[in-house]
Amino acid sequence: MTALILHGGAGARRERNYDAEVVHMRQVVEAMKARLEAGDSALDVAVASVVMLEDSGLYVAGKGASPNLAGAYELDASLMDGSTKRAGSVAALQGFRNPVVAARAVMDRTPHVMLVGEGAALFAHDQGLEPIADEAAWYTGAGQGEDNHPPGTLGHGTVGACVLDSQGRLAAATSTAGVFGKMPGRVGDTPIPAAGTWADGHAATSCTGQGEYFIRVAAAAQVAWRVAAGQTLAAATQAVIDEIGGMGGDGGMIALDAVGNIACPFNSQGMKRAWLTSAGDIGVEVFGR
């Protein structure tokens, strides 16, 4: 049995057209379905999913990034392997194409979980990861006009994936350019295991929204802990989103449990997401619950 769910960020607005994103998310799920059927691991598929989302330029992550208040592109990503609880993360990474690949390298090739800023960039260079030669030409500034980008408020944008493979392993990966108009050095929930990304033997979760709120409630890990305590995945994820909403926070999350159940609650207008059920069915949605 395999299953997958991915997201292209909360913050979608009904007055915008998301046909390109819908087509692309379906393509990602179809590509990852083939990899799962071939026996690829949950972690490899989670990373590959996020790479495709980063490279599309359609979402506020990877190529779709916008600069911070100082004009710099600082990107974050993390991933977690549920079967081993290994994790890798980068924060405020500048100058490299796929932050999630850098996060994977941190997990696989260092004794650490997180590298940030200049240290993350030096590590990415030393590992031979693909640099960005011309940032102005590369980045697309996706998400303009969404709830992600309102004046004077804490906007957001993220991509992520949760995967269950044929061996019963869970994994999650998340990547973001962070909130629009963020202060230099700002780090949200995305690169923080337990806050923006989590996977263990019970559930895998990837979050999207105003990260400061997700950090304050350990949103991603809280889902898995609730499932471990006996809650359904649907109840666990909704409880966390309700808690965030009660604090004034905005966003959503995707999650997948060890028996292939999926959940994707949000309290924003919409959340771009797509999934592969354990029965082999593919779905894509932006606004419907």
Protein backbone atom coordinates (compact mmCIF):
# COMPACT_ATOMS: atom_id res chain seq x y z
CA MET A 1 0.00 0.00 0.00
CA THR A 2 1.27 3.46 -0.91
CA ALA A 3 -0.16 6.97 -0.59
CA LEU A 4 0.95 10.56 -1.04
CA ILE A 5 -0.31 14.08 -0.44
CA LEU A 6 1.38 17.34 -1.42
CA HIS A 7 0.64 21.04 -1.17
CA GLY A 8 1.56 24.20 -3.03
CA GLY A 9 0.73 26.53 -0.16
CA ALA A 10 -2.22 28.06 1.61
CA GLY A 11 -3.31 31.59 0.71
CA ALA A 12 -5.08 30.93 -2.59
CA ARG A 13 -7.72 33.53 -3.49
CA ARG A 14 -10.90 32.77 -5.40
CA GLU A 15 -10.43 35.63 -7.85
CA ARG A 16 -7.21 34.06 -9.17
CA ASN A 17 -6.97 31.28 -11.74
CA TYR A 18 -5.00 28.22 -10.65
CA ASP A 19 -5.27 26.07 -13.78
CA ALA A 20 -1.49 25.92 -14.21
CA GLU A 21 -0.97 24.85 -10.61
CA VAL A 22 -3.72 22.21 -10.82
CA VAL A 23 -2.16 20.70 -13.94
CA HIS A 24 1.30 20.77 -12.42
CA MET A 25 0.32 19.21 -9.10
CA ARG A 26 -1.38 16.37 -10.94
CA GLN A 27 1.78 15.84 -12.97
CA VAL A 28 3.82 15.66 -9.78
CA VAL A 29 1.49 13.09 -8.23
CA GLU A 30 1.47 10.99 -11.39
CA ALA A 31 5.28 11.02 -11.53
CA MET A 32 5.56 10.09 -7.87
CA LYS A 33 2.94 7.34 -8.21
CA ALA A 34 5.21 5.69 -10.78
CA ARG A 35 8.17 5.97 -8.43
CA LEU A 36 6.24 4.45 -5.53
CA GLU A 37 5.07 1.60 -7.74
CA ALA A 38 8.73 1.01 -8.64
CA GLY A 39 9.55 0.63 -4.94
CA ASP A 40 11.18 3.97 -4.19
CA SER A 41 11.39 4.98 -0.54
CA ALA A 42 9.03 7.47 1.07
CA LEU A 43 11.93 9.83 1.77
CA ASP A 44 13.20 9.78 -1.82
CA VAL A 45 9.68 10.42 -3.15
CA ALA A 46 9.03 13.23 -0.68
CA VAL A 47 12.22 14.99 -1.75
CA ALA A 48 11.55 14.42 -5.45
CA SER A 49 8.04 15.82 -5.07
CA VAL A 50 9.32 18.99 -3.44
CA VAL A 51 12.08 19.40 -6.05
CA MET A 52 9.41 19.41 -8.78
CA LEU A 53 7.39 21.98 -6.83
CA GLU A 54 10.47 24.15 -6.20
CA ASP A 55 11.57 24.06 -9.84
CA SER A 56 8.18 24.95 -11.31
CA GLY A 57 8.24 28.60 -10.25
CA LEU A 58 4.50 28.37 -9.59
CA TYR A 59 4.63 28.38 -5.79
CA VAL A 60 6.29 30.52 -3.11
CA ALA A 61 9.27 28.18 -2.76
CA GLY A 62 12.38 27.47 -4.80
CA LYS A 63 12.16 29.28 -8.14
CA GLY A 64 8.94 31.01 -7.04
CA ALA A 65 10.65 32.94 -4.23
CA SER A 66 10.41 36.67 -3.62
CA PRO A 67 13.11 38.70 -1.84
CA ASN A 68 13.10 39.85 1.77
CA LEU A 69 13.05 43.51 2.80
CA ALA A 70 16.77 43.82 2.01
CA GLY A 71 16.33 42.38 -1.49
CA ALA A 72 17.92 39.01 -0.66
CA TYR A 73 16.41 35.60 -1.41
CA GLU A 74 16.58 33.54 1.79
CA LEU A 75 15.07 30.07 1.47
CA ASP A 76 14.26 27.35 4.01
CA ALA A 77 13.58 23.62 3.80
CA SER A 78 13.45 20.50 5.94
CA LEU A 79 12.70 16.81 5.68
CA MET A 80 12.19 13.91 8.07
CA ASP A 81 12.36 10.15 7.67
CA GLY A 82 9.68 8.59 9.86
CA SER A 83 11.26 5.15 10.09
CA THR A 84 14.49 6.46 11.63
CA LYS A 85 13.46 9.95 12.83
CA ARG A 86 16.46 11.35 11.02
CA ALA A 87 15.96 14.94 9.89
CA GLY A 88 17.76 17.57 7.84
CA SER A 89 17.20 21.28 7.47
CA VAL A 90 18.53 24.52 6.02
CA ALA A 91 17.41 28.03 6.88
CA ALA A 92 18.10 31.41 5.25
CA LEU A 93 19.97 29.65 2.43
CA GLN A 94 21.01 31.94 -0.41
CA GLY A 95 22.27 31.18 -3.89
CA PHE A 96 21.24 27.57 -4.48
CA ARG A 97 18.50 26.05 -6.60
CA ASN A 98 16.87 23.39 -4.40
CA PRO A 99 16.86 23.99 -0.64
CA VAL A 100 15.26 20.58 -0.04
CA VAL A 101 18.27 18.90 -1.67
CA ALA A 102 20.53 20.87 0.64
CA ALA A 103 18.44 19.73 3.61
CA ARG A 104 18.79 16.13 2.46
CA ALA A 105 22.55 16.58 2.28
CA VAL A 106 22.64 17.94 5.83
CA MET A 107 20.80 14.83 7.01
CA ASP A 108 22.90 12.36 5.03
CA ARG A 109 26.36 13.92 5.17
CA THR A 110 26.69 15.74 8.51
CA PRO A 111 26.11 14.90 12.18
CA HIS A 112 23.77 17.91 12.39
CA VAL A 113 20.07 18.55 11.76
CA MET A 114 20.16 22.21 10.68
CA LEU A 115 22.57 24.57 8.96
CA VAL A 116 21.73 28.24 8.43
CA GLY A 117 22.79 31.29 6.48
CA GLU A 118 26.38 31.51 5.31
CA GLY A 119 27.21 28.13 6.82
CA ALA A 120 24.41 26.47 4.85
CA ALA A 121 25.60 28.13 1.65
CA LEU A 122 29.23 27.08 2.20
CA PHE A 123 28.08 23.53 2.85
CA ALA A 124 25.90 23.51 -0.29
CA HIS A 125 28.88 24.74 -2.32
CA ASP A 126 31.18 22.11 -0.83
CA GLN A 127 28.64 19.40 -1.68
CA GLY A 128 28.52 20.51 -5.30
CA LEU A 129 24.86 21.49 -5.20
CA GLU A 130 23.53 23.52 -8.10
CA PRO A 131 24.03 27.27 -7.66
CA ILE A 132 21.89 30.05 -9.13
CA ALA A 133 23.97 32.15 -11.51
CA ASP A 134 21.51 35.04 -11.95
CA GLU A 135 18.94 35.40 -9.19
CA ALA A 136 17.00 38.18 -10.92
CA ALA A 137 16.49 35.98 -13.98
CA TRP A 138 15.82 32.78 -12.02
CA TYR A 139 13.19 33.74 -9.46
CA THR A 140 9.59 34.24 -10.58
CA GLY A 141 8.02 35.88 -7.51
CA ALA A 142 5.04 33.51 -7.43
CA GLY A 143 2.02 34.17 -5.27
CA GLN A 144 1.61 37.87 -5.93
CA GLY A 145 -1.96 38.90 -5.22
CA GLU A 146 -2.73 35.91 -2.98
CA ASP A 147 -3.50 36.08 0.72
CA ASN A 148 0.24 35.42 0.84
CA HIS A 149 0.92 39.04 -0.07
CA PRO A 150 -1.45 41.48 1.65
CA PRO A 151 -0.06 44.87 2.68
CA GLY A 152 0.92 45.22 6.31
CA THR A 153 0.22 41.63 7.35
CA LEU A 154 2.16 38.41 7.78
CA GLY A 155 1.87 36.70 4.39
CA HIS A 156 3.17 33.23 3.59
CA GLY A 157 3.88 30.56 0.99
CA THR A 158 5.22 27.02 1.15
CA VAL A 159 5.29 23.64 -0.63
CA GLY A 160 5.47 20.19 0.89
CA ALA A 161 4.83 16.46 0.55
CA CYS A 162 3.97 13.53 2.81
CA VAL A 163 4.52 9.97 1.58
CA LEU A 164 3.78 6.38 2.63
CA ASP A 165 5.80 3.80 0.73
CA SER A 166 5.30 0.10 0.05
CA GLN A 167 7.43 -0.80 3.08
CA GLY A 168 5.13 1.15 5.41
CA ARG A 169 7.60 3.98 5.89
CA LEU A 170 6.43 7.57 6.26
CA ALA A 171 8.35 10.72 5.29
CA ALA A 172 7.70 14.43 4.91
CA ALA A 173 9.49 17.35 3.26
CA THR A 174 8.72 21.08 3.18
CA SER A 175 10.25 24.08 1.40
CA THR A 176 9.56 27.81 1.41
CA ALA A 177 10.75 31.26 0.52
CA GLY A 178 9.14 32.44 3.75
CA VAL A 179 6.65 35.21 4.33
CA PHE A 180 6.48 38.13 1.91
CA GLY A 181 8.26 41.25 3.09
CA LYS A 182 10.08 39.36 5.84
CA MET A 183 12.92 40.84 7.83
CA PRO A 184 16.40 39.64 6.89
CA GLY A 185 17.24 36.53 8.90
CA ARG A 186 13.62 35.69 9.67
CA VAL A 187 13.02 31.94 10.02
CA GLY A 188 9.54 30.43 10.20
CA ASP A 189 8.26 26.94 10.85
CA THR A 190 9.32 25.27 7.58
CA PRO A 191 12.93 24.37 8.50
CA ILE A 192 12.06 23.42 12.08
CA PRO A 193 11.28 19.73 12.66
CA ALA A 194 8.15 19.45 14.84
CA ALA A 195 6.87 22.88 13.77
CA GLY A 196 6.66 22.76 9.97
CA THR A 197 7.67 19.19 9.15
CA TRP A 198 7.37 15.89 10.97
CA ALA A 199 7.36 12.16 10.29
CA ASP A 200 7.44 9.20 12.65
CA GLY A 201 5.77 5.79 12.75
CA HIS A 202 2.32 7.31 13.27
CA ALA A 203 2.00 10.22 10.84
CA ALA A 204 3.79 12.56 8.44
CA THR A 205 2.86 16.25 8.28
CA SER A 206 3.85 19.32 6.26
CA CYS A 207 2.55 22.76 7.21
CA THR A 208 1.88 25.98 5.29
CA GLY A 209 0.88 29.32 6.71
CA GLN A 210 2.02 32.00 9.13
CA GLY A 211 4.91 30.05 10.57
CA GLU A 212 5.23 31.95 13.81
CA TYR A 213 1.93 30.41 14.95
CA PHE A 214 2.88 26.90 13.82
CA ILE A 215 6.13 27.12 15.80
CA ARG A 216 4.27 28.12 18.96
CA VAL A 217 2.14 24.96 18.96
CA ALA A 218 4.66 22.46 17.52
CA ALA A 219 2.04 21.97 14.83
CA ALA A 220 3.50 19.16 12.74
CA ALA A 221 4.65 16.96 15.61
CA GLN A 222 1.47 17.62 17.58
CA VAL A 223 -0.51 15.87 14.83
CA ALA A 224 1.54 12.69 15.16
CA TRP A 225 1.38 12.78 18.94
CA ARG A 226 -2.40 13.10 18.82
CA VAL A 227 -2.61 10.15 16.40
CA ALA A 228 -0.36 8.11 18.68
CA ALA A 229 -2.73 8.91 21.55
CA GLY A 230 -5.69 7.51 19.60
CA GLN A 231 -7.17 10.42 17.65
CA THR A 232 -8.01 9.99 13.99
CA LEU A 233 -5.80 11.86 11.55
CA ALA A 234 -8.73 14.07 10.55
CA ALA A 235 -9.49 15.00 14.16
CA ALA A 236 -5.83 15.56 15.02
CA THR A 237 -5.09 17.89 12.11
CA GLN A 238 -8.31 19.86 12.54
CA ALA A 239 -7.61 20.35 16.25
CA VAL A 240 -4.21 21.84 15.47
CA ILE A 241 -5.56 24.17 12.78
CA ASP A 242 -8.33 25.24 15.15
CA GLU A 243 -5.75 26.01 17.83
CA ILE A 244 -3.75 28.11 15.37
CA GLY A 245 -6.88 29.89 14.20
CA GLY A 246 -7.85 30.62 17.79
CA MET A 247 -4.52 32.41 18.22
CA GLY A 248 -5.14 34.50 15.11
CA GLY A 249 -3.00 32.41 12.77
CA ASP A 250 -3.74 31.53 9.15
CA GLY A 251 -2.76 28.52 7.05
CA GLY A 252 -3.19 24.79 6.69
CA MET A 253 -1.44 21.43 6.70
CA ILE A 254 -1.32 18.12 4.89
CA ALA A 255 -0.90 14.83 6.71
CA LEU A 256 -0.77 11.11 6.10
CA ASP A 257 -0.91 8.26 8.60
CA ALA A 258 0.56 4.76 8.63
CA VAL A 259 -2.57 3.15 7.15
CA GLY A 260 -2.87 5.61 4.25
CA ASN A 261 -5.45 8.07 5.57
CA ILE A 262 -4.94 11.63 4.34
CA ALA A 263 -6.02 14.97 5.79
CA CYS A 264 -5.64 18.56 4.59
CA PRO A 265 -7.46 21.11 6.79
CA PHE A 266 -6.95 24.85 6.37
CA ASN A 267 -8.50 28.09 7.61
CA SER A 268 -7.41 30.29 4.69
CA GLN A 269 -9.55 30.86 1.57
CA GLY A 270 -7.85 27.98 -0.18
CA MET A 271 -4.89 25.62 -0.15
CA LYS A 272 -3.37 24.17 -3.29
CA ARG A 273 -3.04 20.40 -2.84
CA ALA A 274 -3.07 17.04 -4.59
CA TRP A 275 -3.04 13.45 -3.44
CA LEU A 276 -2.72 9.77 -4.26
CA THR A 277 -4.97 7.54 -2.14
CA SER A 278 -4.06 4.05 -1.01
CA ALA A 279 -6.63 2.83 -3.57
CA GLY A 280 -4.62 4.47 -6.36
CA ASP A 281 -6.94 7.44 -6.99
CA ILE A 282 -5.51 10.88 -7.76
CA GLY A 283 -7.19 14.13 -6.70
CA VAL A 284 -6.37 17.82 -7.00
CA GLU A 285 -8.09 20.73 -5.24
CA VAL A 286 -7.58 24.38 -4.42
CA PHE A 287 -10.70 25.61 -2.63
CA GLY A 288 -13.05 22.70 -1.82
CA ARG A 289 -12.83 21.19 1.63
